[in-house]
PDB file of N, CA and C in Angstrom:
ATOM      1  N   MET A   1     183.668 166.015 142.499  1.00  0.00           N
ATOM      2  CA  MET A   1     182.555 165.127 142.784  1.00  0.00           C
ATOM      3  C   MET A   1     181.953 164.618 141.486  1.00  0.00           C
ATOM      4  N   SER A   2     181.586 163.394 141.513  1.00  0.00           N
ATOM      5  CA  SER A   2     180.946 162.829 140.326  1.00  0.00           C
ATOM      6  C   SER A   2     179.439 162.764 140.533  1.00  0.00           C
ATOM      7  N   SER A   3     178.728 162.740 139.428  1.00  0.00           N
ATOM      8  CA  SER A   3     177.267 162.652 139.471  1.00  0.00           C
ATOM      9  C   SER A   3     176.866 161.264 139.939  1.00  0.00           C
ATOM     10  N   PRO A   4     175.758 161.181 140.647  1.00  0.00           N
ATOM     11  CA  PRO A   4     175.300 159.854 141.074  1.00  0.00           C
ATOM     12  C   PRO A   4     174.876 159.016 139.869  1.00  0.00           C
ATOM     13  N   VAL A   5     175.022 157.735 140.001  1.00  0.00           N
ATOM     14  CA  VAL A   5     174.621 156.810 138.949  1.00  0.00           C
ATOM     15  C   VAL A   5     173.109 156.590 139.053  1.00  0.00           C
ATOM     16  N   ILE A   6     172.471 156.616 137.916  1.00  0.00           N
ATOM     17  CA  ILE A   6     171.018 156.443 137.869  1.00  0.00           C
ATOM     18  C   ILE A   6     170.721 155.005 137.475  1.00  0.00           C
ATOM     19  N   ARG A   7     170.017 154.310 138.357  1.00  0.00           N
ATOM     20  CA  ARG A   7     169.688 152.917 138.099  1.00  0.00           C
ATOM     21  C   ARG A   7     168.180 152.668 138.048  1.00  0.00           C
ATOM     22  N   ARG A   8     167.417 153.654 138.413  1.00  0.00           N
ATOM     23  CA  ARG A   8     165.955 153.487 138.437  1.00  0.00           C
ATOM     24  C   ARG A   8     165.324 154.231 137.264  1.00  0.00           C
ATOM     25  N   PHE A   9     164.409 153.561 136.593  1.00  0.00           N
ATOM     26  CA  PHE A   9     163.729 154.126 135.429  1.00  0.00           C
ATOM     27  C   PHE A   9     163.001 155.417 135.799  1.00  0.00           C
ATOM     28  N   VAL A  10     162.301 155.395 136.929  1.00  0.00           N
ATOM     29  CA  VAL A  10     161.531 156.554 137.367  1.00  0.00           C
ATOM     30  C   VAL A  10     162.456 157.753 137.600  1.00  0.00           C
ATOM     31  N   SER A  11     163.616 157.512 138.155  1.00  0.00           N
ATOM     32  CA  SER A  11     164.578 158.594 138.384  1.00  0.00           C
ATOM     33  C   SER A  11     165.041 159.200 137.060  1.00  0.00           C
ATOM     34  N   MET A  12     165.233 158.369 136.056  1.00  0.00           N
ATOM     35  CA  MET A  12     165.630 158.845 134.735  1.00  0.00           C
ATOM     36  C   MET A  12     164.519 159.681 134.114  1.00  0.00           C
ATOM     37  N   LEU A  13     163.243 159.227 134.263  1.00  0.00           N
ATOM     38  CA  LEU A  13     162.120 159.974 133.702  1.00  0.00           C
ATOM     39  C   LEU A  13     162.045 161.389 134.268  1.00  0.00           C
ATOM     40  N   GLU A  14     162.294 161.512 135.551  1.00  0.00           N
ATOM     41  CA  GLU A  14     162.223 162.823 136.202  1.00  0.00           C
ATOM     42  C   GLU A  14     163.278 163.799 135.685  1.00  0.00           C
ATOM     43  N   LEU A  15     164.345 163.295 135.088  1.00  0.00           N
ATOM     44  CA  LEU A  15     165.426 164.147 134.582  1.00  0.00           C
ATOM     45  C   LEU A  15     165.260 164.535 133.113  1.00  0.00           C
ATOM     46  N   LEU A  16     164.392 163.841 132.397  1.00  0.00           N
ATOM     47  CA  LEU A  16     164.259 164.098 130.960  1.00  0.00           C
ATOM     48  C   LEU A  16     163.769 165.512 130.697  1.00  0.00           C
ATOM     49  N   ASN A  17     164.444 166.179 129.781  1.00  0.00           N
ATOM     50  CA  ASN A  17     164.118 167.550 129.389  1.00  0.00           C
ATOM     51  C   ASN A  17     163.992 168.476 130.609  1.00  0.00           C
ATOM     52  N   ARG A  18     164.897 168.258 131.554  1.00  0.00           N
ATOM     53  CA  ARG A  18     164.966 169.077 132.780  1.00  0.00           C
ATOM     54  C   ARG A  18     163.647 169.099 133.550  1.00  0.00           C
ATOM     55  N   GLY A  19     162.977 167.975 133.558  1.00  0.00           N
ATOM     56  CA  GLY A  19     161.743 167.847 134.317  1.00  0.00           C
ATOM     57  C   GLY A  19     160.483 168.208 133.549  1.00  0.00           C
ATOM     58  N   ARG A  20     160.632 168.777 132.364  1.00  0.00           N
ATOM     59  CA  ARG A  20     159.448 169.182 131.598  1.00  0.00           C
ATOM     60  C   ARG A  20     158.656 167.975 131.089  1.00  0.00           C
ATOM     61  N   PHE A  21     159.360 166.870 130.812  1.00  0.00           N
ATOM     62  CA  PHE A  21     158.636 165.697 130.320  1.00  0.00           C
ATOM     63  C   PHE A  21     157.719 165.130 131.398  1.00  0.00           C
ATOM     64  N   ILE A  22     158.187 165.036 132.625  1.00  0.00           N
ATOM     65  CA  ILE A  22     157.348 164.494 133.693  1.00  0.00           C
ATOM     66  C   ILE A  22     156.180 165.438 133.974  1.00  0.00           C
ATOM     67  N   GLU A  23     156.380 166.737 133.796  1.00  0.00           N
ATOM     68  CA  GLU A  23     155.273 167.694 133.922  1.00  0.00           C
ATOM     69  C   GLU A  23     154.219 167.426 132.847  1.00  0.00           C
ATOM     70  N   LYS A  24     154.672 167.116 131.635  1.00  0.00           N
ATOM     71  CA  LYS A  24     153.754 166.798 130.537  1.00  0.00           C
ATOM     72  C   LYS A  24     152.995 165.501 130.848  1.00  0.00           C
ATOM     73  N   CYS A  25     153.651 164.537 131.467  1.00  0.00           N
ATOM     74  CA  CYS A  25     152.978 163.300 131.876  1.00  0.00           C
ATOM     75  C   CYS A  25     151.882 163.612 132.890  1.00  0.00           C
ATOM     76  N   ASP A  26     152.191 164.485 133.844  1.00  0.00           N
ATOM     77  CA  ASP A  26     151.200 164.890 134.846  1.00  0.00           C
ATOM     78  C   ASP A  26     150.006 165.573 134.182  1.00  0.00           C
ATOM     79  N   GLU A  27     150.256 166.408 133.170  1.00  0.00           N
ATOM     80  CA  GLU A  27     149.179 167.079 132.443  1.00  0.00           C
ATOM     81  C   GLU A  27     148.268 166.065 131.748  1.00  0.00           C
ATOM     82  N   HIS A  28     148.865 165.049 131.126  1.00  0.00           N
ATOM     83  CA  HIS A  28     148.082 164.012 130.447  1.00  0.00           C
ATOM     84  C   HIS A  28     147.207 163.264 131.455  1.00  0.00           C
ATOM     85  N   LEU A  29     147.761 162.958 132.617  1.00  0.00           N
ATOM     86  CA  LEU A  29     146.997 162.256 133.638  1.00  0.00           C
ATOM     87  C   LEU A  29     145.858 163.133 134.154  1.00  0.00           C
ATOM     88  N   GLU A  30     146.131 164.407 134.384  1.00  0.00           N
ATOM     89  CA  GLU A  30     145.099 165.329 134.859  1.00  0.00           C
ATOM     90  C   GLU A  30     143.966 165.446 133.840  1.00  0.00           C
ATOM     91  N   LYS A  31     144.315 165.585 132.559  1.00  0.00           N
ATOM     92  CA  LYS A  31     143.310 165.695 131.496  1.00  0.00           C
ATOM     93  C   LYS A  31     142.489 164.403 131.394  1.00  0.00           C
ATOM     94  N   ALA A  32     143.137 163.264 131.576  1.00  0.00           N
ATOM     95  CA  ALA A  32     142.444 161.981 131.526  1.00  0.00           C
ATOM     96  C   ALA A  32     141.397 161.889 132.632  1.00  0.00           C
ATOM     97  N   ILE A  33     141.778 162.280 133.840  1.00  0.00           N
ATOM     98  CA  ILE A  33     140.852 162.212 134.970  1.00  0.00           C
ATOM     99  C   ILE A  33     139.688 163.174 134.768  1.00  0.00           C
ATOM    100  N   GLU A  34     139.975 164.404 134.327  1.00  0.00           N
ATOM    101  CA  GLU A  34     138.913 165.386 134.068  1.00  0.00           C
ATOM    102  C   GLU A  34     137.930 164.865 133.025  1.00  0.00           C
ATOM    103  N   THR A  35     138.460 164.275 131.962  1.00  0.00           N
ATOM    104  CA  THR A  35     137.617 163.758 130.882  1.00  0.00           C
ATOM    105  C   THR A  35     136.735 162.620 131.371  1.00  0.00           C
ATOM    106  N   LEU A  36     137.306 161.708 132.134  1.00  0.00           N
ATOM    107  CA  LEU A  36     136.535 160.576 132.635  1.00  0.00           C
ATOM    108  C   LEU A  36     135.455 161.022 133.610  1.00  0.00           C
ATOM    109  N   GLU A  37     135.769 161.966 134.463  1.00  0.00           N
ATOM    110  CA  GLU A  37     134.784 162.443 135.428  1.00  0.00           C
ATOM    111  C   GLU A  37     133.627 163.184 134.749  1.00  0.00           C
ATOM    112  N   ALA A  38     133.868 163.733 133.565  1.00  0.00           N
ATOM    113  CA  ALA A  38     132.841 164.499 132.859  1.00  0.00           C
ATOM    114  C   ALA A  38     131.974 163.644 131.935  1.00  0.00           C
ATOM    115  N   LEU A  39     132.261 162.361 131.830  1.00  0.00           N
ATOM    116  CA  LEU A  39     131.482 161.501 130.939  1.00  0.00           C
ATOM    117  C   LEU A  39     130.053 161.369 131.439  1.00  0.00           C
ATOM    118  N   PRO A  40     129.076 161.525 130.545  1.00  0.00           N
ATOM    119  CA  PRO A  40     127.674 161.457 130.968  1.00  0.00           C
ATOM    120  C   PRO A  40     127.265 160.079 131.491  1.00  0.00           C
ATOM    121  N   ASP A  41     127.853 159.013 130.978  1.00  0.00           N
ATOM    122  CA  ASP A  41     127.492 157.656 131.404  1.00  0.00           C
ATOM    123  C   ASP A  41     128.283 157.185 132.617  1.00  0.00           C
ATOM    124  N   GLN A  42     129.219 158.016 133.096  1.00  0.00           N
ATOM    125  CA  GLN A  42     130.060 157.674 134.235  1.00  0.00           C
ATOM    126  C   GLN A  42     130.908 156.425 133.991  1.00  0.00           C
ATOM    127  N   LYS A  43     131.190 156.141 132.714  1.00  0.00           N
ATOM    128  CA  LYS A  43     132.040 155.006 132.344  1.00  0.00           C
ATOM    129  C   LYS A  43     132.883 155.420 131.152  1.00  0.00           C
ATOM    130  N   GLY A  44     134.117 154.945 131.114  1.00  0.00           N
ATOM    131  CA  GLY A  44     134.972 155.231 129.971  1.00  0.00           C
ATOM    132  C   GLY A  44     136.381 154.740 130.216  1.00  0.00           C
ATOM    133  N   THR A  45     137.193 154.849 129.191  1.00  0.00           N
ATOM    134  CA  THR A  45     138.572 154.394 129.261  1.00  0.00           C
ATOM    135  C   THR A  45     139.481 155.415 128.589  1.00  0.00           C
ATOM    136  N   VAL A  46     140.600 155.680 129.221  1.00  0.00           N
ATOM    137  CA  VAL A  46     141.644 156.526 128.644  1.00  0.00           C
ATOM    138  C   VAL A  46     142.902 155.685 128.541  1.00  0.00           C
ATOM    139  N   THR A  47     143.610 155.807 127.435  1.00  0.00           N
ATOM    140  CA  THR A  47     144.880 155.129 127.274  1.00  0.00           C
ATOM    141  C   THR A  47     145.975 156.185 127.189  1.00  0.00           C
ATOM    142  N   ILE A  48     146.975 156.064 128.037  1.00  0.00           N
ATOM    143  CA  ILE A  48     148.133 156.958 127.999  1.00  0.00           C
ATOM    144  C   ILE A  48     149.331 156.109 127.610  1.00  0.00           C
ATOM    145  N   ASN A  49     149.915 156.435 126.461  1.00  0.00           N
ATOM    146  CA  ASN A  49     151.068 155.688 125.956  1.00  0.00           C
ATOM    147  C   ASN A  49     152.335 156.493 126.172  1.00  0.00           C
ATOM    148  N   LEU A  50     153.274 155.879 126.817  1.00  0.00           N
ATOM    149  CA  LEU A  50     154.573 156.483 127.089  1.00  0.00           C
ATOM    150  C   LEU A  50     155.611 155.670 126.327  1.00  0.00           C
ATOM    151  N   ALA A  51     156.423 156.347 125.530  1.00  0.00           N
ATOM    152  CA  ALA A  51     157.486 155.671 124.780  1.00  0.00           C
ATOM    153  C   ALA A  51     158.817 156.343 125.110  1.00  0.00           C
ATOM    154  N   VAL A  52     159.821 155.523 125.293  1.00  0.00           N
ATOM    155  CA  VAL A  52     161.160 156.024 125.563  1.00  0.00           C
ATOM    156  C   VAL A  52     162.091 155.368 124.548  1.00  0.00           C
ATOM    157  N   THR A  53     162.691 156.191 123.704  1.00  0.00           N
ATOM    158  CA  THR A  53     163.638 155.698 122.704  1.00  0.00           C
ATOM    159  C   THR A  53     165.048 155.964 123.215  1.00  0.00           C
ATOM    160  N   VAL A  54     165.861 154.919 123.238  1.00  0.00           N
ATOM    161  CA  VAL A  54     167.236 155.041 123.724  1.00  0.00           C
ATOM    162  C   VAL A  54     168.169 154.799 122.543  1.00  0.00           C
ATOM    163  N   HIS A  55     168.949 155.814 122.208  1.00  0.00           N
ATOM    164  CA  HIS A  55     169.904 155.710 121.106  1.00  0.00           C
ATOM    165  C   HIS A  55     171.319 155.685 121.696  1.00  0.00           C
ATOM    166  N   TYR A  56     172.113 154.730 121.254  1.00  0.00           N
ATOM    167  CA  TYR A  56     173.476 154.573 121.760  1.00  0.00           C
ATOM    168  C   TYR A  56     174.471 154.828 120.641  1.00  0.00           C
ATOM    169  N   ASP A  57     175.491 155.618 120.945  1.00  0.00           N
ATOM    170  CA  ASP A  57     176.540 155.897 119.956  1.00  0.00           C
ATOM    171  C   ASP A  57     177.864 156.086 120.697  1.00  0.00           C
ATOM    172  N   SER A  58     178.739 155.106 120.610  1.00  0.00           N
ATOM    173  CA  SER A  58     180.093 155.166 121.170  1.00  0.00           C
ATOM    174  C   SER A  58     180.126 155.561 122.646  1.00  0.00           C
ATOM    175  N   GLY A  59     179.270 154.937 123.448  1.00  0.00           N
ATOM    176  CA  GLY A  59     179.280 155.193 124.877  1.00  0.00           C
ATOM    177  C   GLY A  59     178.344 156.305 125.330  1.00  0.00           C
ATOM    178  N   ARG A  60     177.764 157.016 124.399  1.00  0.00           N
ATOM    179  CA  ARG A  60     176.846 158.114 124.736  1.00  0.00           C
ATOM    180  C   ARG A  60     175.416 157.669 124.445  1.00  0.00           C
ATOM    181  N   LEU A  61     174.542 157.886 125.404  1.00  0.00           N
ATOM    182  CA  LEU A  61     173.134 157.558 125.237  1.00  0.00           C
ATOM    183  C   LEU A  61     172.342 158.835 125.049  1.00  0.00           C
ATOM    184  N   GLU A  62     171.414 158.792 124.135  1.00  0.00           N
ATOM    185  CA  GLU A  62     170.454 159.877 123.999  1.00  0.00           C
ATOM    186  C   GLU A  62     169.077 159.261 124.212  1.00  0.00           C
ATOM    187  N   ILE A  63     168.337 159.807 125.177  1.00  0.00           N
ATOM    188  CA  ILE A  63     167.037 159.267 125.527  1.00  0.00           C
ATOM    189  C   ILE A  63     165.981 160.271 125.102  1.00  0.00           C
ATOM    190  N   LYS A  64     165.055 159.809 124.261  1.00  0.00           N
ATOM    191  CA  LYS A  64     164.006 160.671 123.736  1.00  0.00           C
ATOM    192  C   LYS A  64     162.646 160.104 124.140  1.00  0.00           C
ATOM    193  N   PRO A  65     161.908 160.840 124.974  1.00  0.00           N
ATOM    194  CA  PRO A  65     160.599 160.357 125.409  1.00  0.00           C
ATOM    195  C   PRO A  65     159.471 160.930 124.560  1.00  0.00           C
ATOM    196  N   SER A  66     158.330 160.258 124.605  1.00  0.00           N
ATOM    197  CA  SER A  66     157.109 160.804 124.000  1.00  0.00           C
ATOM    198  C   SER A  66     155.921 160.261 124.785  1.00  0.00           C
ATOM    199  N   ILE A  67     154.847 161.040 124.763  1.00  0.00           N
ATOM    200  CA  ILE A  67     153.627 160.631 125.458  1.00  0.00           C
ATOM    201  C   ILE A  67     152.436 161.012 124.593  1.00  0.00           C
ATOM    202  N   LYS A  68     151.452 160.120 124.551  1.00  0.00           N
ATOM    203  CA  LYS A  68     150.224 160.361 123.800  1.00  0.00           C
ATOM    204  C   LYS A  68     149.058 159.808 124.611  1.00  0.00           C
ATOM    205  N   SER A  69     147.935 160.495 124.522  1.00  0.00           N
ATOM    206  CA  SER A  69     146.725 160.037 125.207  1.00  0.00           C
ATOM    207  C   SER A  69     145.623 159.792 124.193  1.00  0.00           C
ATOM    208  N   LYS A  70     144.845 158.763 124.454  1.00  0.00           N
ATOM    209  CA  LYS A  70     143.640 158.513 123.659  1.00  0.00           C
ATOM    210  C   LYS A  70     142.473 158.641 124.622  1.00  0.00           C
ATOM    211  N   LEU A  71     141.751 159.746 124.472  1.00  0.00           N
ATOM    212  CA  LEU A  71     140.602 160.034 125.329  1.00  0.00           C
ATOM    213  C   LEU A  71     139.342 159.466 124.710  1.00  0.00           C
ATOM    214  N   PRO A  72     138.319 159.204 125.517  1.00  0.00           N
ATOM    215  CA  PRO A  72     137.061 158.714 124.949  1.00  0.00           C
ATOM    216  C   PRO A  72     136.480 159.755 123.993  1.00  0.00           C
ATOM    217  N   GLU A  73     135.899 159.269 122.921  1.00  0.00           N
ATOM    218  CA  GLU A  73     135.263 160.181 121.979  1.00  0.00           C
ATOM    219  C   GLU A  73     133.981 160.714 122.580  1.00  0.00           C
ATOM    220  N   GLU A  74     133.690 161.950 122.250  1.00  0.00           N
ATOM    221  CA  GLU A  74     132.447 162.548 122.721  1.00  0.00           C
ATOM    222  C   GLU A  74     131.294 161.808 122.074  1.00  0.00           C
ATOM    223  N   LYS A  75     130.317 161.466 122.885  1.00  0.00           N
ATOM    224  CA  LYS A  75     129.178 160.721 122.376  1.00  0.00           C
ATOM    225  C   LYS A  75     128.371 161.567 121.409  1.00  0.00           C
ATOM    226  N   ALA A  76     128.012 160.946 120.305  1.00  0.00           N
ATOM    227  CA  ALA A  76     127.201 161.649 119.302  1.00  0.00           C
ATOM    228  C   ALA A  76     125.771 161.791 119.817  1.00  0.00           C
ATOM    229  N   PHE A  77     125.112 162.806 119.345  1.00  0.00           N
ATOM    230  CA  PHE A  77     123.712 162.990 119.696  1.00  0.00           C
ATOM    231  C   PHE A  77     122.889 161.893 119.042  1.00  0.00           C
ATOM    232  N   SER A  78     121.832 161.479 119.704  1.00  0.00           N
ATOM    233  CA  SER A  78     120.950 160.483 119.104  1.00  0.00           C
ATOM    234  C   SER A  78     120.062 161.162 118.068  1.00  0.00           C
ATOM    235  N   GLY A  79     119.508 160.373 117.190  1.00  0.00           N
ATOM    236  CA  GLY A  79     118.656 160.908 116.139  1.00  0.00           C
ATOM    237  C   GLY A  79     117.290 161.322 116.682  1.00  0.00           C
ATOM    238  N   THR A  80     116.686 162.310 116.056  1.00  0.00           N
ATOM    239  CA  THR A  80     115.345 162.770 116.404  1.00  0.00           C
ATOM    240  C   THR A  80     114.451 162.545 115.195  1.00  0.00           C
ATOM    241  N   PRO A  81     113.358 161.798 115.365  1.00  0.00           N
ATOM    242  CA  PRO A  81     112.498 161.513 114.214  1.00  0.00           C
ATOM    243  C   PRO A  81     111.627 162.722 113.849  1.00  0.00           C
ATOM    244  N   PHE A  82     111.552 162.988 112.568  1.00  0.00           N
ATOM    245  CA  PHE A  82     110.674 164.019 112.013  1.00  0.00           C
ATOM    246  C   PHE A  82     109.908 163.410 110.852  1.00  0.00           C
ATOM    247  N   TRP A  83     108.785 163.996 110.547  1.00  0.00           N
ATOM    248  CA  TRP A  83     108.025 163.624 109.363  1.00  0.00           C
ATOM    249  C   TRP A  83     107.785 164.902 108.567  1.00  0.00           C
ATOM    250  N   THR A  84     107.401 164.719 107.335  1.00  0.00           N
ATOM    251  CA  THR A  84     107.065 165.891 106.533  1.00  0.00           C
ATOM    252  C   THR A  84     105.562 166.082 106.555  1.00  0.00           C
ATOM    253  N   HIS A  85     105.175 167.351 106.598  1.00  0.00           N
ATOM    254  CA  HIS A  85     103.750 167.690 106.592  1.00  0.00           C
ATOM    255  C   HIS A  85     103.595 169.038 105.907  1.00  0.00           C
ATOM    256  N   GLU A  86     102.873 169.043 104.814  1.00  0.00           N
ATOM    257  CA  GLU A  86     102.618 170.263 104.045  1.00  0.00           C
ATOM    258  C   GLU A  86     103.912 170.993 103.685  1.00  0.00           C
ATOM    259  N   GLY A  87     104.916 170.226 103.286  1.00  0.00           N
ATOM    260  CA  GLY A  87     106.183 170.797 102.826  1.00  0.00           C
ATOM    261  C   GLY A  87     107.090 171.293 103.932  1.00  0.00           C
ATOM    262  N   ALA A  88     106.842 170.902 105.185  1.00  0.00           N
ATOM    263  CA  ALA A  88     107.667 171.329 106.309  1.00  0.00           C
ATOM    264  C   ALA A  88     107.928 170.142 107.227  1.00  0.00           C
ATOM    265  N   LEU A  89     108.681 170.375 108.281  1.00  0.00           N
ATOM    266  CA  LEU A  89     108.966 169.332 109.264  1.00  0.00           C
ATOM    267  C   LEU A  89     107.869 169.286 110.314  1.00  0.00           C
ATOM    268  N   SER A  90     107.628 168.091 110.808  1.00  0.00           N
ATOM    269  CA  SER A  90     106.664 167.916 111.893  1.00  0.00           C
ATOM    270  C   SER A  90     107.194 166.836 112.820  1.00  0.00           C
ATOM    271  N   VAL A  91     106.957 166.992 114.114  1.00  0.00           N
ATOM    272  CA  VAL A  91     107.343 165.953 115.065  1.00  0.00           C
ATOM    273  C   VAL A  91     106.199 164.980 115.301  1.00  0.00           C
ATOM    274  N   GLN A  92     105.042 165.235 114.689  1.00  0.00           N
ATOM    275  CA  GLN A  92     103.898 164.338 114.802  1.00  0.00           C
ATOM    276  C   GLN A  92     103.826 163.422 113.593  1.00  0.00           C
ATOM    277  N   HIS A  93     103.528 162.173 113.856  1.00  0.00           N
ATOM    278  CA  HIS A  93     103.351 161.198 112.780  1.00  0.00           C
ATOM    279  C   HIS A  93     102.158 161.637 111.935  1.00  0.00           C
ATOM    280  N   PRO A  94     102.255 161.544 110.619  1.00  0.00           N
ATOM    281  CA  PRO A  94     101.183 162.023 109.747  1.00  0.00           C
ATOM    282  C   PRO A  94      99.804 161.442 110.057  1.00  0.00           C
ATOM    283  N   SER A  95      99.760 160.201 110.485  1.00  0.00           N
ATOM    284  CA  SER A  95      98.441 159.614 110.764  1.00  0.00           C
ATOM    285  C   SER A  95      97.902 160.034 112.132  1.00  0.00           C
ATOM    286  N   GLN A  96      98.703 160.779 112.912  1.00  0.00           N
ATOM    287  CA  GLN A  96      98.255 161.201 114.235  1.00  0.00           C
ATOM    288  C   GLN A  96      98.053 162.713 114.336  1.00  0.00           C
ATOM    289  N   ILE A  97      98.216 163.440 113.253  1.00  0.00           N
ATOM    290  CA  ILE A  97      98.114 164.896 113.307  1.00  0.00           C
ATOM    291  C   ILE A  97      96.723 165.343 113.735  1.00  0.00           C
ATOM    292  N   ASP A  98      95.668 164.739 113.168  1.00  0.00           N
ATOM    293  CA  ASP A  98      94.301 165.125 113.525  1.00  0.00           C
ATOM    294  C   ASP A  98      93.926 164.678 114.927  1.00  0.00           C
ATOM    295  N   MET A  99      94.671 163.746 115.478  1.00  0.00           N
ATOM    296  CA  MET A  99      94.366 163.180 116.770  1.00  0.00           C
ATOM    297  C   MET A  99      94.457 164.222 117.890  1.00  0.00           C
ATOM    298  N   PHE A 100      95.313 165.219 117.723  1.00  0.00           N
ATOM    299  CA  PHE A 100      95.549 166.200 118.773  1.00  0.00           C
ATOM    300  C   PHE A 100      94.890 167.554 118.489  1.00  0.00           C
ATOM    301  N   ALA A 101      94.087 167.626 117.478  1.00  0.00           N
ATOM    302  CA  ALA A 101      93.467 168.893 117.105  1.00  0.00           C
ATOM    303  C   ALA A 101      92.256 169.229 117.969  1.00  0.00           C
ATOM    304  N   GLY A 102      91.862 168.348 118.837  1.00  0.00           N
ATOM    305  CA  GLY A 102      90.712 168.610 119.684  1.00  0.00           C
ATOM    306  C   GLY A 102      89.477 167.906 119.148  1.00  0.00           C
ATOM    307  N   PRO A 103      88.320 168.104 119.799  1.00  0.00           N
ATOM    308  CA  PRO A 103      87.100 167.431 119.362  1.00  0.00           C
ATOM    309  C   PRO A 103      86.696 167.894 117.967  1.00  0.00           C
ATOM    310  N   ARG A 104      86.202 166.950 117.185  1.00  0.00           N
ATOM    311  CA  ARG A 104      85.756 167.269 115.842  1.00  0.00           C
ATOM    312  C   ARG A 104      84.238 167.388 115.808  1.00  0.00           C
ATOM    313  N   VAL A 105      83.790 168.238 114.969  1.00  0.00           N
ATOM    314  CA  VAL A 105      82.348 168.384 114.778  1.00  0.00           C
ATOM    315  C   VAL A 105      81.890 167.280 113.835  1.00  0.00           C
ATOM    316  N   THR A 106      80.899 166.544 114.264  1.00  0.00           N
ATOM    317  CA  THR A 106      80.362 165.461 113.433  1.00  0.00           C
ATOM    318  C   THR A 106      79.037 165.902 112.820  1.00  0.00           C
ATOM    319  N   GLU A 107      78.536 165.111 111.920  1.00  0.00           N
ATOM    320  CA  GLU A 107      77.228 165.378 111.291  1.00  0.00           C
ATOM    321  C   GLU A 107      76.146 165.461 112.355  1.00  0.00           C
ATOM    322  N   ARG A 108      76.224 164.610 113.327  1.00  0.00           N
ATOM    323  CA  ARG A 108      75.235 164.563 114.394  1.00  0.00           C
ATOM    324  C   ARG A 108      75.256 165.875 115.193  1.00  0.00           C
ATOM    325  N   ASP A 109      76.484 166.433 115.459  1.00  0.00           N
ATOM    326  CA  ASP A 109      76.604 167.698 116.176  1.00  0.00           C
ATOM    327  C   ASP A 109      76.001 168.842 115.359  1.00  0.00           C
ATOM    328  N   ARG A 110      76.183 168.797 114.056  1.00  0.00           N
ATOM    329  CA  ARG A 110      75.641 169.845 113.188  1.00  0.00           C
ATOM    330  C   ARG A 110      74.121 169.800 113.155  1.00  0.00           C
ATOM    331  N   ASP A 111      73.601 168.593 113.100  1.00  0.00           N
ATOM    332  CA  ASP A 111      72.132 168.434 113.048  1.00  0.00           C
ATOM    333  C   ASP A 111      71.500 168.854 114.363  1.00  0.00           C
ATOM    334  N   ALA A 112      72.199 168.646 115.469  1.00  0.00           N
ATOM    335  CA  ALA A 112      71.646 168.985 116.795  1.00  0.00           C
ATOM    336  C   ALA A 112      71.693 170.481 117.027  1.00  0.00           C
ATOM    337  N   GLY A 113      72.581 171.214 116.386  1.00  0.00           N
ATOM    338  CA  GLY A 113      72.789 172.621 116.651  1.00  0.00           C
ATOM    339  C   GLY A 113      71.878 173.509 115.961  1.00  0.00           C
TER     340      GLY A 113
END
């Protein structure tokens, strides 16, 4: 018996590296979906590149596949503003520090007391 002739690209892909290549393709797709579903903005793009190199030598073909994924980059944290106050960090603007200290005693309060 002779082996069946392969005429479909998809059928050839399933045979590469005894099926391990198509398993790797499935892994890339699964990782892409997981990554996209986990994006905080619920939007993103994944690119999966599949390359098949076909080398011919005197009637013999050698087919070498490769797959690569480009996942969305993790979003960087936004900046947090700080100011310096008395040689340290403060989250309050320097001109507003006294604003939150509570009521101030005025000359009038001192004279009344």
